[in-house]
Amino acid sequence: MNLRHIRCFIAVADTGSIRGAARKLGITQPAVTKAVQQLESSLGTPLLMRSVSGTVLTSYGVAFLARARLVDGELGRAREELTQLTGQFTGSVAIGLEPTVAELIAPQVISEFQARRPNITVRIVGGLPTSTLQRVCDGSLDFVVGSRPVSGVPAVIDSWPLYSMSFAIAVRRRHPLARARSLMEFAHAQWILTRSAASPDGPLARAFADLDLEPPRCRLLSDSLVATQSIVAATDCVSLMSLRSVTQGIMRQQLVTVEVPQLNIVSSEELFFRRDAPLPPAALELATALRESVQASKAL
């Protein structure tokens, strides 16, 4: 088994065919086929099933793919880290940002980082840690910034606490419930929530349960802050948003918060990274800059 075998296998998994993998890698189809066969022979298990419609992974292939991506990613990270340790700041940093962080905290920090390190490419993936943390585990993201998931984090993940974020119900201005004073008034509202906020074990569901109410009726799930704010601003849907995203975000003229005494939700916003793999110098510099920016801001 060697790196060429692994990269050919990953390419087949990504493209769904030998032909697609060959095109992606710039080599011949027989070369891809031979590399995958040699990999299967060294592992002693079939990784792919071939059919007229394409190529799919066997159960063994699915299990091996996660490890293959980790190996490939770690070698790439090691190469960039060694280059950066010599003082040549080239390469890339890949990060995951929660929508509120991406809108309100990261832009200035990333702009200043790019000014200092013009030869570093910053790749940003949007989304909540519930969906992006796995990409830290497999090495495709250097770190993720966002709320600690209700379900916890994988054992290989460590974090830096950044700040606490308060949440409230958000509605459009002139919404019939804009002046509500009790959570009970939202018992029959139509909610749009993130998957984390809609969790039956989450603080919103627990707040409803404490009042002997059914869980909030959530018919729309959205991990996009812009989409959620736009829908809330244009309809009678209600949502759970951070106070800062409502009062300082791009939709602050269209939205208001409704703070009810039965609802007191504060999340821990953290910077997550793998505990068993040190951040490369460029990623560490950007992570440190984000943490220092938050610590310097008294408005959080």
Protein backbone atom coordinates (compact mmCIF):
# COMPACT_ATOMS: atom_id res chain seq x y z
CA MET A 1 0.00 0.00 0.00
CA ASN A 2 1.28 3.47 -0.85
CA LEU A 3 -0.01 7.03 -1.14
CA ARG A 4 -0.76 6.64 -4.86
CA HIS A 5 -3.04 3.69 -4.10
CA ILE A 6 -4.86 5.68 -1.42
CA ARG A 7 -5.34 8.75 -3.60
CA CYS A 8 -6.70 6.68 -6.47
CA PHE A 9 -9.19 5.03 -4.12
CA ILE A 10 -10.29 8.41 -2.71
CA ALA A 11 -10.73 9.77 -6.24
CA VAL A 12 -12.94 6.82 -7.22
CA ALA A 13 -15.02 7.30 -4.08
CA ASP A 14 -15.39 11.03 -4.79
CA THR A 15 -16.26 10.73 -8.48
CA GLY A 16 -18.20 7.46 -8.42
CA SER A 17 -16.29 5.88 -11.29
CA ILE A 18 -12.89 4.76 -12.52
CA ARG A 19 -13.23 7.11 -15.48
CA GLY A 20 -14.00 10.07 -13.25
CA ALA A 21 -11.07 9.28 -10.98
CA ALA A 22 -8.70 9.02 -13.94
CA ARG A 23 -9.89 12.37 -15.25
CA LYS A 24 -9.53 13.98 -11.82
CA LEU A 25 -6.01 12.65 -11.29
CA GLY A 26 -4.83 13.10 -14.87
CA ILE A 27 -3.85 9.46 -15.35
CA THR A 28 -5.21 6.54 -17.38
CA GLN A 29 -8.15 4.38 -16.36
CA PRO A 30 -6.03 1.19 -16.30
CA ALA A 31 -3.64 2.93 -13.90
CA VAL A 32 -6.49 3.74 -11.52
CA THR A 33 -7.88 0.21 -11.78
CA LYS A 34 -4.48 -1.34 -11.07
CA ALA A 35 -3.86 0.95 -8.08
CA VAL A 36 -7.23 0.09 -6.51
CA GLN A 37 -6.73 -3.63 -7.14
CA GLN A 38 -3.30 -3.50 -5.51
CA LEU A 39 -4.79 -1.67 -2.54
CA GLU A 40 -7.56 -4.27 -2.19
CA SER A 41 -4.99 -7.04 -2.43
CA SER A 42 -2.81 -5.52 0.30
CA LEU A 43 -5.82 -5.07 2.58
CA GLY A 44 -7.34 -8.45 1.77
CA THR A 45 -10.83 -7.02 1.34
CA PRO A 46 -12.92 -5.69 -1.58
CA LEU A 47 -13.33 -1.91 -1.34
CA LEU A 48 -15.40 -1.26 -4.47
CA MET A 49 -18.29 -2.84 -6.33
CA ARG A 50 -18.32 -2.16 -10.04
CA SER A 51 -21.48 -2.04 -12.15
CA VAL A 52 -22.70 -0.60 -15.45
CA SER A 53 -23.93 2.50 -13.60
CA GLY A 54 -20.66 3.26 -11.87
CA THR A 55 -18.69 2.27 -8.79
CA VAL A 56 -19.89 2.14 -5.20
CA LEU A 57 -18.09 1.41 -1.96
CA THR A 58 -18.47 -1.86 -0.13
CA SER A 59 -18.98 -1.72 3.63
CA TYR A 60 -15.23 -2.25 3.92
CA GLY A 61 -14.65 0.61 1.49
CA VAL A 62 -16.85 2.95 3.53
CA ALA A 63 -14.89 2.12 6.68
CA PHE A 64 -11.52 2.49 4.95
CA LEU A 65 -12.43 5.77 3.22
CA ALA A 66 -12.47 7.73 6.49
CA ARG A 67 -8.98 6.45 7.34
CA ALA A 68 -7.75 7.06 3.81
CA ARG A 69 -8.87 10.69 3.92
CA LEU A 70 -7.18 11.09 7.29
CA VAL A 71 -3.88 9.69 5.97
CA ASP A 72 -3.98 11.85 2.84
CA GLY A 73 -4.97 14.94 4.80
CA GLU A 74 -2.31 14.45 7.46
CA LEU A 75 0.43 14.07 4.88
CA GLY A 76 -0.70 17.29 3.23
CA ARG A 77 -0.82 19.05 6.58
CA ALA A 78 2.64 17.74 7.47
CA ARG A 79 4.06 19.04 4.20
CA GLU A 80 2.57 22.50 4.72
CA GLU A 81 3.59 22.56 8.38
CA LEU A 82 7.22 21.83 7.58
CA THR A 83 7.21 24.51 4.90
CA GLN A 84 5.71 27.04 7.32
CA LEU A 85 8.19 26.11 10.07
CA THR A 86 10.98 27.18 7.75
CA GLY A 87 9.40 30.63 7.61
CA GLN A 88 7.76 30.19 4.21
CA PHE A 89 4.11 30.92 4.91
CA THR A 90 2.47 29.26 1.94
CA GLY A 91 -0.32 26.72 1.68
CA SER A 92 -3.80 26.90 3.09
CA VAL A 93 -5.92 27.00 6.22
CA ALA A 94 -9.34 25.32 6.19
CA ILE A 95 -11.84 26.34 8.87
CA GLY A 96 -15.50 25.86 9.72
CA LEU A 97 -17.50 28.83 10.96
CA GLU A 98 -20.92 28.97 12.55
CA PRO A 99 -23.11 31.55 10.74
CA THR A 100 -23.10 34.14 13.53
CA VAL A 101 -19.32 33.91 13.86
CA ALA A 102 -18.90 34.15 10.09
CA GLU A 103 -21.05 37.29 9.95
CA LEU A 104 -20.00 39.22 13.02
CA ILE A 105 -16.57 38.12 14.26
CA ALA A 106 -14.46 36.48 11.57
CA PRO A 107 -14.38 39.03 8.68
CA GLN A 108 -12.03 41.56 10.29
CA VAL A 109 -9.75 38.89 11.76
CA ILE A 110 -9.46 37.02 8.46
CA SER A 111 -8.85 40.26 6.55
CA GLU A 112 -5.97 41.18 8.87
CA PHE A 113 -4.58 37.63 8.64
CA GLN A 114 -4.61 37.75 4.84
CA ALA A 115 -2.77 41.07 4.92
CA ARG A 116 -0.05 39.47 7.06
CA ARG A 117 0.03 36.18 5.15
CA PRO A 118 -0.79 36.92 1.51
CA ASN A 119 0.46 33.52 0.34
CA ILE A 120 -1.91 31.56 2.59
CA THR A 121 -5.28 30.60 1.13
CA VAL A 122 -8.10 30.59 3.70
CA ARG A 123 -10.92 28.17 2.88
CA ILE A 124 -14.12 28.69 4.86
CA VAL A 125 -16.86 26.10 5.31
CA GLY A 126 -20.14 27.34 6.76
CA GLY A 127 -22.28 25.33 9.14
CA LEU A 128 -22.82 24.38 12.75
CA PRO A 129 -20.32 22.22 14.65
CA THR A 130 -22.91 19.42 14.64
CA SER A 131 -22.11 19.00 10.94
CA THR A 132 -18.54 20.35 10.65
CA LEU A 133 -16.78 18.71 13.61
CA GLN A 134 -16.48 15.42 11.75
CA ARG A 135 -14.38 17.25 9.17
CA VAL A 136 -11.97 18.26 11.93
CA CYS A 137 -11.79 14.61 12.95
CA ASP A 138 -10.90 13.47 9.43
CA GLY A 139 -8.40 16.30 8.93
CA SER A 140 -10.19 18.14 6.13
CA LEU A 141 -10.70 21.17 8.41
CA ASP A 142 -8.05 22.63 10.72
CA PHE A 143 -10.53 23.97 13.25
CA VAL A 144 -14.17 24.92 13.73
CA VAL A 145 -15.69 27.85 15.64
CA GLY A 146 -19.22 27.63 17.00
CA SER A 147 -21.57 26.40 19.71
CA ARG A 148 -20.78 23.24 21.64
CA PRO A 149 -23.29 20.62 20.42
CA VAL A 150 -25.90 19.43 22.90
CA SER A 151 -24.80 15.86 22.17
CA GLY A 152 -21.18 16.63 23.05
CA VAL A 153 -18.05 16.37 20.90
CA PRO A 154 -15.95 13.40 19.71
CA ALA A 155 -13.26 12.20 22.09
CA VAL A 156 -10.48 13.30 19.72
CA ILE A 157 -11.67 16.92 19.84
CA ASP A 158 -10.30 19.57 22.21
CA SER A 159 -11.37 23.22 22.37
CA TRP A 160 -10.66 26.75 23.52
CA PRO A 161 -13.64 28.41 25.23
CA LEU A 162 -14.25 31.78 23.57
CA TYR A 163 -17.38 33.40 24.97
CA SER A 164 -20.98 32.80 25.99
CA MET A 165 -23.79 33.66 23.61
CA SER A 166 -27.34 34.44 24.78
CA PHE A 167 -30.32 33.39 22.71
CA ALA A 168 -33.87 34.68 22.43
CA ILE A 169 -36.94 34.18 20.29
CA ALA A 170 -36.73 36.20 17.07
CA VAL A 171 -39.75 37.41 15.08
CA ARG A 172 -40.43 39.99 12.40
CA ARG A 173 -41.40 43.48 13.43
CA ARG A 174 -45.19 43.77 13.75
CA HIS A 175 -45.46 40.03 14.32
CA PRO A 176 -48.59 39.21 16.38
CA LEU A 177 -46.31 37.77 19.07
CA ALA A 178 -43.74 40.58 19.07
CA ARG A 179 -45.02 41.75 22.47
CA ALA A 180 -45.50 38.29 23.98
CA ARG A 181 -44.53 37.88 27.61
CA SER A 182 -44.74 34.12 28.08
CA LEU A 183 -43.34 31.09 26.30
CA MET A 184 -46.84 29.62 26.42
CA GLU A 185 -47.90 32.15 23.79
CA PHE A 186 -45.57 30.40 21.34
CA ALA A 187 -47.11 26.96 21.89
CA HIS A 188 -48.80 27.02 18.49
CA ALA A 189 -46.23 29.08 16.58
CA GLN A 190 -44.49 27.76 13.48
CA TRP A 191 -40.77 27.49 14.20
CA ILE A 192 -37.74 27.47 11.93
CA LEU A 193 -34.75 26.06 13.81
CA THR A 194 -31.30 24.63 13.37
CA ARG A 195 -31.03 20.88 13.84
CA SER A 196 -29.30 21.51 17.16
CA ALA A 197 -31.99 23.91 18.44
CA ALA A 198 -34.71 21.48 17.33
CA SER A 199 -33.17 18.61 19.30
CA PRO A 200 -35.65 16.96 21.70
CA ASP A 201 -32.85 17.07 24.29
CA GLY A 202 -32.08 20.73 23.68
CA PRO A 203 -32.81 23.69 25.98
CA LEU A 204 -35.75 24.97 23.90
CA ALA A 205 -37.57 21.62 24.09
CA ARG A 206 -36.80 21.41 27.83
CA ALA A 207 -38.21 24.89 28.40
CA PHE A 208 -41.47 23.83 26.73
CA ALA A 209 -41.53 20.60 28.74
CA ASP A 210 -41.09 22.53 32.00
CA LEU A 211 -44.40 24.25 31.20
CA ASP A 212 -46.05 20.92 30.31
CA LEU A 213 -46.20 22.02 26.68
CA GLU A 214 -45.64 19.94 23.58
CA PRO A 215 -42.26 20.50 21.89
CA PRO A 216 -42.16 23.48 19.51
CA ARG A 217 -43.67 22.73 16.12
CA CYS A 218 -40.68 22.84 13.81
CA ARG A 219 -41.51 22.28 10.16
CA LEU A 220 -38.48 24.08 8.79
CA LEU A 221 -34.88 23.09 9.55
CA SER A 222 -32.15 25.48 8.49
CA ASP A 223 -28.46 25.77 9.32
CA SER A 224 -28.25 28.94 7.20
CA LEU A 225 -28.50 32.13 9.25
CA VAL A 226 -29.29 34.23 6.18
CA ALA A 227 -32.08 31.90 5.06
CA THR A 228 -33.54 31.72 8.57
CA GLN A 229 -33.50 35.47 9.05
CA SER A 230 -35.04 36.06 5.63
CA ILE A 231 -37.88 33.62 6.27
CA VAL A 232 -38.59 35.03 9.73
CA ALA A 233 -38.55 38.59 8.37
CA ALA A 234 -41.04 37.72 5.61
CA THR A 235 -43.44 35.34 7.39
CA ASP A 236 -45.03 34.58 10.75
CA CYS A 237 -42.43 31.89 11.46
CA VAL A 238 -40.45 32.37 14.65
CA SER A 239 -36.94 31.21 15.47
CA LEU A 240 -34.32 30.98 18.17
CA MET A 241 -31.37 33.28 17.41
CA SER A 242 -28.47 34.79 19.25
CA LEU A 243 -29.20 38.26 20.56
CA ARG A 244 -26.16 39.59 18.75
CA SER A 245 -27.19 38.22 15.34
CA VAL A 246 -30.56 39.98 15.67
CA THR A 247 -29.36 43.30 17.06
CA GLN A 248 -26.18 43.61 14.96
CA GLY A 249 -26.80 41.39 11.93
CA ILE A 250 -27.79 42.33 8.40
CA MET A 251 -31.51 41.91 9.18
CA ARG A 252 -31.54 44.06 12.32
CA GLN A 253 -34.05 46.48 10.79
CA GLN A 254 -36.56 43.70 10.10
CA LEU A 255 -36.27 41.55 13.22
CA VAL A 256 -36.87 41.93 16.94
CA THR A 257 -36.27 39.64 19.89
CA VAL A 258 -38.90 38.48 22.33
CA GLU A 259 -37.37 37.73 25.69
CA VAL A 260 -39.61 35.65 27.94
CA PRO A 261 -38.71 34.74 31.54
CA GLN A 262 -39.21 30.99 30.97
CA LEU A 263 -36.43 30.92 28.39
CA ASN A 264 -32.82 31.43 29.43
CA ILE A 265 -30.53 29.87 26.84
CA VAL A 266 -26.81 30.56 26.84
CA SER A 267 -24.44 28.56 24.65
CA SER A 268 -20.71 28.04 25.00
CA GLU A 269 -18.98 29.26 21.85
CA GLU A 270 -15.69 27.47 21.35
CA LEU A 271 -12.85 26.90 18.90
CA PHE A 272 -12.60 23.15 18.26
CA PHE A 273 -9.52 21.28 17.01
CA ARG A 274 -8.03 17.80 17.16
CA ARG A 275 -6.19 17.11 20.39
CA ASP A 276 -3.86 14.55 18.79
CA ALA A 277 -2.67 16.72 15.90
CA PRO A 278 -1.11 20.14 16.55
CA LEU A 279 -2.37 22.95 14.37
CA PRO A 280 0.06 23.94 11.59
CA PRO A 281 1.67 27.36 12.19
CA ALA A 282 -0.65 29.27 9.85
CA ALA A 283 -3.78 27.66 11.28
CA LEU A 284 -2.52 28.27 14.82
CA GLU A 285 -1.86 31.93 14.01
CA LEU A 286 -5.39 32.41 12.64
CA ALA A 287 -6.97 30.52 15.56
CA THR A 288 -5.01 32.62 18.05
CA ALA A 289 -6.04 35.83 16.28
CA LEU A 290 -9.71 34.83 16.49
CA ARG A 291 -9.40 34.06 20.20
CA GLU A 292 -7.56 37.32 20.92
CA SER A 293 -10.13 39.32 18.95
CA VAL A 294 -12.94 37.83 21.02
CA GLN A 295 -11.10 38.44 24.29
CA ALA A 296 -10.47 42.06 23.29
CA SER A 297 -14.13 42.68 22.54
CA LYS A 298 -16.17 43.67 25.57
CA ALA A 299 -19.38 43.60 23.57
CA LEU A 300 -19.68 39.82 23.50
